[in-house]
Amino acid sequence: MPPDLDTLTPDLPRPASGDGARIGVPSVAVAPEAERELTDRQVRVLLTSVLVVATCGLLYELIVGTLSSYLLGNSTLHFSLTIGGFMTAMGVGSLVSRRIHGDPLVWFVGVELAIGVAGGCSAAALYWAYSYAPLAYHAVMAGAVLVIGVLVGLEIPLVARVLDMAGRQRRDTVANVLAVDYLGALLAALAFPLVLLPTLGVLRTAFVTGAINLGVVVACLWAFRKMLRRQRSYRPLALATLALGLPLAAGAVGAGWLADVFEAKLYRAPILFTEQSPYQRLVVTRSRQGDTRLFLDGALQFATSDEYRYHEALVHPAMALAARRQRVLILGGGDGLATREVLKWPGVESVTLVDLDPAVTDLAQRHAAILEANQGALSDPRVEIINADAYRFIEDSPLAFDVVLVDLPDPNHESLAKLYSRPFYELLRQRLGAGAMVSVQSTSPYFAPEAFWSIVATAEAADLHPLPYHIYVPSFGDWGFFLGSTHAVNPERFAARLAPLASAAEPLRFLTPEAFAAAQTFAPDLTRPAGVEVNTLDDPVLLDYYQKGWARWQ
């Protein structure tokens, strides 16, 4: 809703020189009306400033919401808190602007200095809190949202007042200011996901945005230099801009190093590789003992010391029990480790790997440590890599597969929770050929039992006839899966069907018929809770189960 006109341009008395501002900042003598008439160039500078500051304001919202979602998951919650907090704080800022006396131009420049520092350092403050004081993270987040939001709420009323005091028509002033303000929001919404995040990353984007706010200050100082010099405001504002701009510029230049410092605190082993893709942040670490680990947005994907347990359990039951193995589909698994296991089977003619992020599949084909782990599986001529959304691929593909392996990240936000929903499993069932098998990683039945059994219940509702099982992976803990098909799964045939792997170049290290039989047994504290619900697109209960389950262990 557009702000009230009186909030934007209140008819406030002009204080005499030396009058104190009501909120404790000394006022500056206001130049006579004749001296306040703005040139067309100055008006253009002000309106351009509104465009820039509106863009920066929304960028700060996106930075806080995105970083909080990266670090803590649950993007709906953190974007809701961020947007709601910003809007409320902006309203407070608009109300505060009514109590500001003194020259609105000087106030506007001062607010831009403050928001440049607060917004520019916001991502660094959140990274620091997560790395060194995790219990204080939400307090730091709330403080950043409140401070930046109040300052952003001050900007538009102050600019409108400058134009109004210069004799501009109030109706035209408000229309022009709001028009460029909304245009700035559009620019930020397009620039952040398409340009800034994939090229600069969150941390550097924050510093650069803060520097842009200070660029507005520089433009105003130049355009209004005569007016500000008459009021003796030019020199202190210019010195403040220089003093505050240097650390922001240093932060923008050294953001990569600073991110490494924070991430070194988060990860126990030295970092070999980092990359910010449009979808997530990739980090590869390697310990002195040679254990290589891949993290996506801080979540562990695999550790080479024990990943064979996970991937053997995911791949080989489905491969053994399927009627045929010619056509294999892998959803997720961009690291190539599941593909490595699939290619151990004779008779595999094609493997279609669908992973959303090309940065992951590229990493799996060029990073020495990952290549060593996956044995170059993604370079096999039988493997086709498709970088696409798994839901869209299953929805659009006309093909039927003999084996489908779902190796997707845990459902820790909405876009992943839909890949564990009843509609997705129903589409998946349609892609299963006669006698085909599907295997799905299904999070931990120990750490998040409601989430695990909700996944199983959802597969039942989609007529996948799930057979749940679980194994222990030291780097993950107790981990769950389910096997599914268009018919009831008969696990007793696993031992006989495993025979073709007897001639494989590398025998299985963990999964034996005895181990698979044991994996189907659940202790009393891991049995299915009563009343667990099916996960749907309209009611993604799985996300709530998952968040509450893992929160008990954090």
Protein backbone atom coordinates (compact mmCIF):
# COMPACT_ATOMS: atom_id res chain seq x y z
CA MET A 1 0.00 0.00 0.00
CA PRO A 2 1.51 3.41 -0.92
CA PRO A 3 2.42 5.54 2.09
CA ASP A 4 0.18 8.38 3.20
CA LEU A 5 0.96 11.68 1.49
CA ASP A 6 1.27 13.46 4.80
CA THR A 7 3.81 10.90 5.92
CA LEU A 8 5.90 11.52 2.84
CA THR A 9 5.73 15.33 2.91
CA PRO A 10 4.46 16.66 6.25
CA ASP A 11 4.06 20.40 6.62
CA LEU A 12 6.61 20.83 9.37
CA PRO A 13 7.77 24.23 10.65
CA ARG A 14 11.29 25.15 9.74
CA PRO A 15 13.37 25.51 12.89
CA ALA A 16 15.61 28.46 13.33
CA SER A 17 19.36 28.00 13.34
CA GLY A 18 20.44 26.22 16.47
CA ASP A 19 17.10 24.58 17.27
CA GLY A 20 17.60 20.99 18.44
CA ALA A 21 16.04 18.14 16.54
CA ARG A 22 13.45 16.23 18.48
CA ILE A 23 15.32 12.94 18.20
CA GLY A 24 18.60 14.31 19.44
CA VAL A 25 20.44 15.28 16.25
CA PRO A 26 21.32 18.99 15.93
CA SER A 27 19.41 20.74 13.19
CA VAL A 28 21.00 22.82 10.49
CA ALA A 29 19.81 26.21 9.38
CA VAL A 30 17.49 25.92 6.40
CA ALA A 31 18.30 28.10 3.44
CA PRO A 32 15.70 30.63 2.35
CA GLU A 33 13.15 29.44 -0.19
CA ALA A 34 14.78 31.35 -2.99
CA GLU A 35 18.01 29.51 -2.36
CA ARG A 36 16.29 26.10 -2.20
CA GLU A 37 14.87 26.14 -5.73
CA LEU A 38 16.26 22.99 -7.36
CA THR A 39 17.60 22.77 -10.85
CA ASP A 40 16.32 20.11 -13.21
CA ARG A 41 19.64 18.29 -12.86
CA GLN A 42 19.31 18.20 -9.08
CA VAL A 43 15.79 16.84 -9.37
CA ARG A 44 17.08 14.11 -11.69
CA VAL A 45 19.83 13.29 -9.19
CA LEU A 46 17.25 12.92 -6.42
CA LEU A 47 14.94 10.74 -8.46
CA THR A 48 17.87 8.60 -9.62
CA SER A 49 18.90 8.32 -5.98
CA VAL A 50 15.44 7.02 -5.12
CA LEU A 51 15.77 4.40 -7.87
CA VAL A 52 19.14 3.29 -6.52
CA VAL A 53 18.19 3.26 -2.84
CA ALA A 54 14.99 1.32 -3.60
CA THR A 55 17.08 -1.27 -5.43
CA CYS A 56 19.51 -1.46 -2.51
CA GLY A 57 16.69 -1.75 0.03
CA LEU A 58 15.18 -4.82 -1.61
CA LEU A 59 18.65 -6.29 -2.11
CA TYR A 60 19.21 -6.15 1.63
CA GLU A 61 15.96 -8.04 2.18
CA LEU A 62 17.00 -10.70 -0.32
CA ILE A 63 20.48 -10.97 1.22
CA VAL A 64 19.18 -11.52 4.75
CA GLY A 65 16.45 -13.93 3.66
CA THR A 66 18.70 -15.91 1.33
CA LEU A 67 21.60 -16.21 3.75
CA SER A 68 19.32 -17.25 6.61
CA SER A 69 17.72 -19.87 4.36
CA TYR A 70 21.15 -21.14 3.30
CA LEU A 71 22.43 -21.42 6.85
CA LEU A 72 19.31 -22.60 8.68
CA GLY A 73 16.99 -24.00 6.00
CA ASN A 74 13.21 -23.44 5.96
CA SER A 75 13.19 -20.66 3.37
CA THR A 76 9.48 -19.95 3.88
CA LEU A 77 9.99 -19.12 7.55
CA HIS A 78 13.08 -16.98 7.08
CA PHE A 79 11.83 -15.05 4.06
CA SER A 80 8.53 -14.47 5.87
CA LEU A 81 10.35 -13.17 8.93
CA THR A 82 12.63 -11.02 6.80
CA ILE A 83 9.93 -9.48 4.62
CA GLY A 84 7.49 -8.97 7.48
CA GLY A 85 10.20 -7.49 9.68
CA PHE A 86 11.41 -5.15 6.96
CA MET A 87 7.93 -3.89 6.13
CA THR A 88 7.15 -3.25 9.78
CA ALA A 89 10.47 -1.50 10.36
CA MET A 90 9.96 0.61 7.24
CA GLY A 91 6.64 1.75 8.66
CA VAL A 92 8.38 2.71 11.88
CA GLY A 93 10.95 4.63 9.85
CA SER A 94 8.22 6.53 8.02
CA LEU A 95 6.65 7.51 11.35
CA VAL A 96 10.01 8.55 12.76
CA SER A 97 10.55 10.80 9.74
CA ARG A 98 7.67 12.98 10.91
CA ARG A 99 9.65 13.92 14.01
CA ILE A 100 12.80 14.88 12.14
CA HIS A 101 13.57 18.59 12.03
CA GLY A 102 16.43 20.20 10.24
CA ASP A 103 17.45 20.11 6.63
CA PRO A 104 15.95 16.99 4.96
CA LEU A 105 18.76 16.88 2.40
CA VAL A 106 21.39 16.61 5.13
CA TRP A 107 19.30 13.98 6.86
CA PHE A 108 18.90 12.01 3.62
CA VAL A 109 22.64 11.96 3.02
CA GLY A 110 23.22 10.89 6.64
CA VAL A 111 20.67 8.09 6.36
CA GLU A 112 22.36 6.84 3.19
CA LEU A 113 25.68 6.72 5.03
CA ALA A 114 24.10 4.73 7.87
CA ILE A 115 22.26 2.28 5.64
CA GLY A 116 25.35 1.75 3.50
CA VAL A 117 27.28 0.60 6.56
CA ALA A 118 24.45 -1.36 8.20
CA GLY A 119 23.34 -3.06 5.01
CA GLY A 120 26.82 -3.58 3.63
CA CYS A 121 27.95 -5.35 6.80
CA SER A 122 24.71 -7.29 7.33
CA ALA A 123 25.83 -10.52 5.63
CA ALA A 124 29.16 -10.48 7.46
CA ALA A 125 27.33 -10.02 10.77
CA LEU A 126 25.04 -12.98 10.03
CA TYR A 127 27.96 -15.17 8.98
CA TRP A 128 29.79 -14.21 12.16
CA ALA A 129 26.79 -15.03 14.33
CA TYR A 130 26.28 -18.42 12.67
CA SER A 131 29.98 -19.30 12.93
CA TYR A 132 30.82 -17.98 16.39
CA ALA A 133 27.54 -17.39 18.27
CA PRO A 134 24.86 -19.64 16.72
CA LEU A 135 22.44 -19.16 19.62
CA ALA A 136 22.43 -15.42 18.91
CA TYR A 137 21.81 -15.79 15.17
CA HIS A 138 18.14 -14.86 15.18
CA ALA A 139 18.81 -11.90 17.49
CA VAL A 140 21.45 -10.61 15.06
CA MET A 141 19.09 -11.24 12.15
CA ALA A 142 16.28 -9.33 13.88
CA GLY A 143 18.63 -6.47 14.69
CA ALA A 144 19.81 -6.22 11.07
CA VAL A 145 16.26 -6.29 9.75
CA LEU A 146 15.10 -3.65 12.26
CA VAL A 147 17.99 -1.23 11.71
CA ILE A 148 18.05 -1.49 7.92
CA GLY A 149 14.25 -1.40 7.67
CA VAL A 150 13.92 1.76 9.78
CA LEU A 151 16.62 3.49 7.74
CA VAL A 152 15.01 2.44 4.46
CA GLY A 153 11.68 3.75 5.76
CA LEU A 154 13.27 7.16 6.33
CA GLU A 155 14.62 7.51 2.79
CA ILE A 156 11.51 8.17 0.70
CA PRO A 157 9.85 10.69 3.07
CA LEU A 158 13.10 12.66 3.27
CA VAL A 159 13.53 12.82 -0.52
CA ALA A 160 9.90 13.80 -0.94
CA ARG A 161 10.37 16.55 1.63
CA VAL A 162 13.41 17.93 -0.21
CA LEU A 163 11.39 18.16 -3.40
CA ASP A 164 8.37 19.58 -1.59
CA MET A 165 10.37 22.28 0.19
CA ALA A 166 11.82 23.31 -3.17
CA GLY A 167 8.36 24.28 -4.36
CA ARG A 168 7.49 21.12 -6.34
CA GLN A 169 3.86 20.08 -6.59
CA ARG A 170 3.16 17.54 -3.88
CA ARG A 171 1.07 15.28 -6.13
CA ASP A 172 3.80 15.16 -8.78
CA THR A 173 6.46 14.66 -6.14
CA VAL A 174 4.79 11.63 -4.61
CA ALA A 175 3.96 10.10 -8.00
CA ASN A 176 7.51 10.46 -9.29
CA VAL A 177 9.12 9.20 -6.09
CA LEU A 178 6.89 6.15 -5.80
CA ALA A 179 7.24 5.30 -9.51
CA VAL A 180 11.02 5.11 -9.38
CA ASP A 181 10.85 3.38 -5.97
CA TYR A 182 8.79 0.52 -7.41
CA LEU A 183 11.01 0.35 -10.48
CA GLY A 184 14.04 -0.06 -8.20
CA ALA A 185 12.37 -3.00 -6.49
CA LEU A 186 11.91 -4.69 -9.86
CA LEU A 187 15.56 -4.14 -10.76
CA ALA A 188 16.69 -5.71 -7.48
CA ALA A 189 14.36 -8.69 -7.89
CA LEU A 190 15.89 -9.42 -11.31
CA ALA A 191 19.51 -8.58 -10.56
CA PHE A 192 19.92 -10.58 -7.36
CA PRO A 193 19.14 -14.14 -8.56
CA LEU A 194 20.28 -13.70 -12.16
CA VAL A 195 23.47 -11.65 -11.79
CA LEU A 196 24.63 -10.75 -8.30
CA LEU A 197 24.25 -14.03 -6.40
CA PRO A 198 25.87 -16.34 -9.00
CA THR A 199 28.72 -13.91 -9.79
CA LEU A 200 29.47 -12.22 -6.47
CA GLY A 201 27.98 -14.46 -3.78
CA VAL A 202 25.97 -13.24 -0.80
CA LEU A 203 28.81 -11.71 1.21
CA ARG A 204 30.34 -9.65 -1.60
CA THR A 205 26.88 -8.61 -2.86
CA ALA A 206 26.15 -7.07 0.55
CA PHE A 207 29.39 -5.07 0.59
CA VAL A 208 28.91 -3.92 -3.01
CA THR A 209 25.32 -2.87 -2.27
CA GLY A 210 26.53 -0.86 0.71
CA ALA A 211 29.11 0.82 -1.50
CA ILE A 212 26.35 1.68 -3.99
CA ASN A 213 24.45 3.42 -1.18
CA LEU A 214 27.55 5.49 -0.55
CA GLY A 215 27.68 6.21 -4.27
CA VAL A 216 24.31 7.92 -3.84
CA VAL A 217 25.91 10.06 -1.14
CA VAL A 218 28.75 11.04 -3.46
CA ALA A 219 26.27 12.00 -6.21
CA CYS A 220 24.24 14.14 -3.81
CA LEU A 221 27.34 15.80 -2.39
CA TRP A 222 28.37 16.80 -5.89
CA ALA A 223 24.95 17.92 -7.09
CA PHE A 224 24.17 19.92 -3.93
CA ARG A 225 27.70 21.01 -3.02
CA LYS A 226 26.95 24.75 -3.02
CA MET A 227 23.88 24.34 -0.85
CA LEU A 228 25.68 22.03 1.59
CA ARG A 229 28.72 24.30 1.80
CA ARG A 230 26.52 27.23 2.76
CA GLN A 231 25.23 25.09 5.62
CA ARG A 232 28.74 23.89 6.51
CA SER A 233 27.64 20.28 6.03
CA TYR A 234 29.65 19.41 2.96
CA ARG A 235 33.04 18.77 4.59
CA PRO A 236 31.89 16.54 7.50
CA LEU A 237 29.66 14.51 5.18
CA ALA A 238 32.43 14.09 2.62
CA LEU A 239 34.89 12.96 5.31
CA ALA A 240 32.33 10.52 6.73
CA THR A 241 31.73 9.09 3.26
CA LEU A 242 35.44 8.54 2.75
CA ALA A 243 35.90 6.98 6.19
CA LEU A 244 32.96 4.61 5.79
CA GLY A 245 33.58 3.82 2.14
CA LEU A 246 37.06 2.42 2.72
CA PRO A 247 35.97 -0.55 4.89
CA LEU A 248 33.09 -1.33 2.52
CA ALA A 249 35.46 -1.32 -0.44
CA ALA A 250 37.88 -3.51 1.52
CA GLY A 251 35.04 -5.88 2.37
CA ALA A 252 33.99 -6.11 -1.28
CA VAL A 253 37.56 -6.88 -2.36
CA GLY A 254 38.26 -9.31 0.48
CA ALA A 255 34.85 -11.00 0.64
CA GLY A 256 36.28 -14.28 -0.63
CA TRP A 257 38.91 -14.34 2.09
CA LEU A 258 36.35 -13.36 4.72
CA ALA A 259 34.00 -16.13 3.59
CA ASP A 260 36.87 -18.60 3.89
CA VAL A 261 37.50 -17.42 7.46
CA PHE A 262 33.88 -17.95 8.45
CA GLU A 263 33.63 -21.28 6.62
CA ALA A 264 36.87 -22.53 8.18
CA LYS A 265 35.09 -22.17 11.51
CA LEU A 266 32.10 -24.14 10.24
CA TYR A 267 34.03 -27.05 8.72
CA ARG A 268 36.39 -29.25 10.68
CA ALA A 269 38.83 -29.91 7.83
CA PRO A 270 40.77 -27.63 5.47
CA ILE A 271 38.72 -26.28 2.57
CA LEU A 272 39.85 -27.38 -0.89
CA PHE A 273 37.21 -25.71 -3.03
CA THR A 274 34.32 -23.26 -2.77
CA GLU A 275 31.85 -22.03 -5.39
CA GLN A 276 28.60 -20.10 -5.27
CA SER A 277 26.22 -21.33 -7.95
CA PRO A 278 22.85 -19.75 -8.71
CA TYR A 279 21.29 -22.50 -6.57
CA GLN A 280 23.63 -23.16 -3.65
CA ARG A 281 27.12 -22.85 -2.17
CA LEU A 282 29.49 -25.75 -2.82
CA VAL A 283 32.31 -26.50 -0.39
CA VAL A 284 34.79 -29.38 -0.62
CA THR A 285 36.99 -30.20 2.39
CA ARG A 286 39.71 -32.77 2.95
CA SER A 287 41.10 -33.91 6.30
CA ARG A 288 44.68 -34.86 7.01
CA GLN A 289 43.51 -38.49 6.96
CA GLY A 290 42.33 -38.05 3.35
CA ASP A 291 38.59 -37.91 4.04
CA THR A 292 37.02 -35.72 1.33
CA ARG A 293 33.61 -34.19 2.02
CA LEU A 294 31.14 -32.27 -0.13
CA PHE A 295 28.79 -29.74 1.46
CA LEU A 296 25.90 -27.96 -0.24
CA ASP A 297 24.72 -24.88 1.65
CA GLY A 298 26.50 -26.26 4.70
CA ALA A 299 24.76 -29.66 4.57
CA LEU A 300 27.00 -32.72 4.25
CA GLN A 301 26.40 -34.69 1.04
CA PHE A 302 29.03 -37.40 1.42
CA ALA A 303 32.29 -38.31 3.13
CA THR A 304 34.64 -40.56 1.18
CA SER A 305 35.49 -42.48 4.35
CA ASP A 306 32.03 -44.10 4.46
CA GLU A 307 29.98 -43.01 1.42
CA TYR A 308 30.18 -46.56 0.02
CA ARG A 309 27.77 -47.69 2.76
CA TYR A 310 25.17 -45.15 1.70
CA HIS A 311 25.53 -45.65 -2.06
CA GLU A 312 25.63 -49.43 -1.93
CA ALA A 313 22.43 -49.40 0.14
CA LEU A 314 20.75 -46.93 -2.22
CA VAL A 315 21.72 -48.58 -5.51
CA HIS A 316 22.12 -52.31 -5.25
CA PRO A 317 18.81 -53.48 -3.74
CA ALA A 318 16.91 -51.78 -6.58
CA MET A 319 19.36 -53.00 -9.23
CA ALA A 320 19.22 -56.57 -7.89
CA LEU A 321 15.44 -56.81 -7.60
CA ALA A 322 14.53 -55.12 -10.90
CA ALA A 323 13.41 -57.39 -13.72
CA ARG A 324 15.78 -55.57 -16.12
CA ARG A 325 18.63 -53.08 -15.78
CA GLN A 326 19.05 -51.66 -19.28
CA ARG A 327 17.69 -48.15 -18.62
CA VAL A 328 18.55 -46.47 -15.31
CA LEU A 329 17.40 -43.03 -14.13
CA ILE A 330 19.16 -41.19 -11.30
CA LEU A 331 17.47 -38.10 -9.85
CA GLY A 332 20.05 -36.02 -8.00
CA GLY A 333 23.35 -37.76 -7.41
CA GLY A 334 25.33 -35.13 -9.30
CA ASP A 335 28.49 -36.21 -7.47
CA GLY A 336 28.58 -39.37 -9.63
CA LEU A 337 28.87 -41.81 -6.72
CA ALA A 338 25.54 -43.54 -7.33
CA THR A 339 26.43 -43.74 -11.03
CA ARG A 340 29.68 -45.48 -10.09
CA GLU A 341 27.70 -48.20 -8.32
CA VAL A 342 25.19 -48.57 -11.17
CA LEU A 343 27.96 -49.13 -13.71
CA LYS A 344 29.21 -52.15 -11.75
CA TRP A 345 26.22 -54.12 -13.08
CA PRO A 346 26.39 -55.97 -16.40
CA GLY A 347 23.70 -55.17 -18.94
CA VAL A 348 23.38 -51.46 -18.18
CA GLU A 349 22.87 -49.72 -21.53
CA SER A 350 22.07 -46.16 -20.48
CA VAL A 351 22.12 -44.04 -17.34
CA THR A 352 20.22 -40.75 -17.33
CA LEU A 353 21.35 -38.48 -14.50
CA VAL A 354 19.13 -35.49 -13.74
CA ASP A 355 20.63 -32.91 -11.38
CA LEU A 356 19.44 -29.33 -11.11
CA ASP A 357 22.80 -27.64 -10.59
CA PRO A 358 25.41 -27.84 -13.38
CA ALA A 359 28.01 -26.65 -10.88
CA VAL A 360 27.72 -29.98 -9.05
CA THR A 361 28.00 -32.17 -12.13
CA ASP A 362 30.87 -30.05 -13.45
CA LEU A 363 32.65 -30.38 -10.11
CA ALA A 364 32.21 -34.17 -10.24
CA GLN A 365 33.91 -34.27 -13.63
CA ARG A 366 36.87 -31.97 -13.00
CA HIS A 367 37.83 -31.89 -9.31
CA ALA A 368 40.55 -34.43 -8.63
CA ALA A 369 39.27 -35.50 -5.21
CA ILE A 370 35.70 -36.04 -6.47
CA LEU A 371 36.93 -37.80 -9.60
CA GLU A 372 38.96 -40.14 -7.42
CA ALA A 373 35.83 -40.97 -5.46
CA ASN A 374 33.45 -41.50 -8.38
CA GLN A 375 36.11 -43.17 -10.57
CA GLY A 376 35.20 -40.96 -13.51
CA ALA A 377 31.73 -42.48 -13.74
CA LEU A 378 30.12 -39.40 -15.30
CA SER A 379 32.49 -39.62 -18.28
CA ASP A 380 31.25 -43.08 -19.22
CA PRO A 381 29.67 -42.95 -22.72
CA ARG A 382 26.52 -44.63 -21.41
CA VAL A 383 25.86 -41.71 -19.03
CA GLU A 384 23.73 -38.74 -20.12
CA ILE A 385 23.70 -35.70 -17.80
CA ILE A 386 20.63 -33.46 -17.81
CA ASN A 387 20.70 -30.32 -15.67
CA ALA A 388 17.03 -29.81 -14.93
CA ASP A 389 14.46 -29.85 -12.16
CA ALA A 390 13.66 -33.46 -11.22
CA TYR A 391 9.93 -32.75 -10.86
CA ARG A 392 9.73 -31.15 -14.29
CA PHE A 393 11.74 -33.95 -15.87
CA ILE A 394 9.50 -36.68 -14.43
CA GLU A 395 6.43 -34.70 -15.45
CA ASP A 396 7.56 -34.19 -19.06
CA SER A 397 9.54 -37.33 -19.86
CA PRO A 398 7.71 -39.96 -21.96
CA LEU A 399 10.29 -42.64 -21.17
CA ALA A 400 9.97 -45.70 -18.94
CA PHE A 401 12.93 -46.89 -16.88
CA ASP A 402 13.94 -50.23 -15.41
CA VAL A 403 15.51 -48.72 -12.28
CA VAL A 404 15.00 -45.26 -10.76
CA LEU A 405 17.30 -44.03 -8.00
CA VAL A 406 16.22 -40.90 -6.11
CA ASP A 407 19.34 -39.45 -4.51
CA LEU A 408 18.06 -35.98 -3.64
CA PRO A 409 18.98 -33.78 -0.65
CA ASP A 410 16.83 -33.93 2.46
CA PRO A 411 13.49 -32.05 2.33
CA ASN A 412 14.69 -29.05 4.32
CA HIS A 413 12.82 -26.45 2.26
CA GLU A 414 9.75 -26.25 0.05
CA SER A 415 11.37 -26.83 -3.33
CA LEU A 416 12.81 -30.12 -2.05
CA ALA A 417 9.75 -31.15 -0.04
CA LYS A 418 7.71 -31.25 -3.28
CA LEU A 419 10.09 -33.99 -4.52
CA TYR A 420 8.85 -36.18 -1.66
CA SER A 421 5.16 -35.46 -2.26
CA ARG A 422 2.34 -37.77 -3.33
CA PRO A 423 1.97 -36.10 -6.78
CA PHE A 424 5.68 -36.56 -7.44
CA TYR A 425 5.60 -40.24 -6.45
CA GLU A 426 2.52 -40.76 -8.62
CA LEU A 427 4.40 -39.28 -11.59
CA LEU A 428 7.39 -41.42 -10.68
CA ARG A 429 5.23 -44.54 -10.73
CA GLN A 430 4.23 -43.73 -14.31
CA ARG A 431 7.91 -43.75 -15.34
CA LEU A 432 8.45 -47.32 -14.06
CA GLY A 433 8.50 -50.02 -16.68
CA ALA A 434 7.23 -53.56 -16.11
CA GLY A 435 9.04 -55.09 -13.14
CA ALA A 436 10.94 -51.84 -12.51
CA MET A 437 12.22 -50.76 -9.09
CA VAL A 438 12.68 -47.38 -7.43
CA SER A 439 14.93 -46.61 -4.48
CA VAL A 440 14.61 -43.36 -2.52
CA GLN A 441 16.85 -41.86 0.17
CA SER A 442 14.42 -40.90 2.91
CA THR A 443 16.35 -39.05 5.69
CA SER A 444 17.05 -40.49 9.14
CA PRO A 445 14.45 -42.64 10.93
CA TYR A 446 16.30 -41.90 14.17
CA PHE A 447 16.84 -38.14 14.04
CA ALA A 448 13.61 -37.31 12.17
CA PRO A 449 11.29 -40.35 12.56
CA GLU A 450 8.08 -38.50 11.65
CA ALA A 451 9.69 -37.24 8.44
CA PHE A 452 10.98 -40.70 7.49
CA TRP A 453 7.66 -42.42 8.05
CA SER A 454 5.77 -39.60 6.34
CA ILE A 455 7.85 -40.32 3.23
CA VAL A 456 6.94 -44.01 3.51
CA ALA A 457 3.25 -43.14 4.02
CA THR A 458 3.36 -40.85 1.00
CA ALA A 459 4.84 -43.63 -1.15
CA GLU A 460 2.05 -45.95 0.06
CA ALA A 461 -0.56 -43.37 -0.93
CA ALA A 462 1.00 -43.26 -4.42
CA ASP A 463 0.78 -47.09 -4.74
CA LEU A 464 4.55 -47.59 -4.78
CA HIS A 465 4.32 -50.48 -2.28
CA PRO A 466 7.31 -49.17 -0.25
CA LEU A 467 9.68 -51.47 1.61
CA PRO A 468 11.48 -49.29 4.22
CA TYR A 469 15.00 -50.10 5.39
CA HIS A 470 17.86 -48.32 7.14
CA ILE A 471 21.60 -48.59 7.69
CA TYR A 472 24.23 -46.87 9.78
CA VAL A 473 26.53 -44.40 8.01
CA PRO A 474 29.08 -42.99 10.50
CA SER A 475 29.19 -39.49 8.99
CA PHE A 476 25.37 -39.27 8.85
CA GLY A 477 24.12 -41.57 11.58
CA ASP A 478 21.20 -43.98 11.13
CA TRP A 479 19.88 -43.41 7.61
CA GLY A 480 16.72 -44.54 5.87
CA PHE A 481 15.56 -45.56 2.39
CA PHE A 482 12.64 -47.27 0.78
CA LEU A 483 12.31 -49.61 -2.19
CA GLY A 484 9.20 -49.28 -4.31
CA SER A 485 7.55 -50.68 -7.39
CA THR A 486 4.21 -51.02 -9.15
CA HIS A 487 3.87 -54.36 -7.36
CA ALA A 488 4.72 -55.69 -3.91
CA VAL A 489 8.48 -55.91 -3.37
CA ASN A 490 9.90 -59.35 -2.57
CA PRO A 491 13.22 -58.78 -0.75
CA GLU A 492 13.86 -62.52 -0.34
CA ARG A 493 15.14 -62.67 -3.92
CA PHE A 494 17.93 -60.19 -3.18
CA ALA A 495 20.62 -62.79 -2.40
CA ALA A 496 20.10 -64.70 -5.63
CA ARG A 497 19.78 -61.55 -7.74
CA LEU A 498 23.06 -60.17 -6.37
CA ALA A 499 25.00 -62.92 -8.14
CA PRO A 500 25.94 -60.88 -11.27
CA LEU A 501 28.13 -58.64 -9.08
CA ALA A 502 30.30 -61.60 -8.14
CA SER A 503 32.33 -60.96 -11.29
CA ALA A 504 32.55 -57.18 -10.76
CA ALA A 505 36.02 -55.66 -10.75
CA GLU A 506 35.37 -54.23 -7.28
CA PRO A 507 33.21 -56.31 -4.90
CA LEU A 508 30.77 -54.61 -2.56
CA ARG A 509 32.36 -53.47 0.70
CA PHE A 510 29.27 -53.33 2.90
CA LEU A 511 26.02 -54.65 1.47
CA THR A 512 25.57 -58.40 1.80
CA PRO A 513 22.32 -60.39 1.83
CA GLU A 514 22.63 -60.58 5.61
CA ALA A 515 23.19 -56.83 5.93
CA PHE A 516 20.19 -56.08 3.73
CA ALA A 517 17.97 -58.44 5.73
CA ALA A 518 19.07 -56.74 8.95
CA ALA A 519 18.41 -53.30 7.43
CA GLN A 520 14.69 -54.13 7.13
CA THR A 521 14.36 -54.55 10.90
CA PHE A 522 13.42 -51.49 12.98
CA ALA A 523 13.99 -51.40 16.74
CA PRO A 524 11.03 -50.39 18.94
CA ASP A 525 12.25 -46.78 19.20
CA LEU A 526 12.32 -46.49 15.39
CA THR A 527 8.91 -47.95 14.58
CA ARG A 528 6.26 -45.95 12.74
CA PRO A 529 4.59 -43.23 14.85
CA ALA A 530 0.81 -43.20 14.95
CA GLY A 531 -1.02 -40.63 12.87
CA VAL A 532 1.84 -39.64 10.55
CA GLU A 533 0.41 -37.81 7.53
CA VAL A 534 0.93 -37.96 3.77
CA ASN A 535 2.99 -35.17 2.23
CA THR A 536 1.22 -33.24 -0.55
CA LEU A 537 1.91 -30.09 -2.56
CA ASP A 538 -0.98 -28.28 -0.91
CA ASP A 539 -0.10 -29.42 2.62
CA PRO A 540 3.68 -30.06 2.85
CA VAL A 541 3.59 -31.65 6.31
CA LEU A 542 6.95 -33.28 5.63
CA LEU A 543 8.77 -29.97 5.93
CA ASP A 544 7.37 -29.40 9.41
CA TYR A 545 8.15 -32.99 10.45
CA TYR A 546 11.70 -32.60 9.17
CA GLN A 547 12.38 -29.24 10.81
CA LYS A 548 10.99 -30.29 14.18
CA GLY A 549 12.78 -33.64 14.08
CA TRP A 550 16.23 -32.26 13.41
CA ALA A 551 15.68 -29.29 15.76
CA ARG A 552 15.63 -31.74 18.67
CA TRP A 553 19.28 -32.59 17.94
CA GLN A 554 20.66 -29.10 17.32
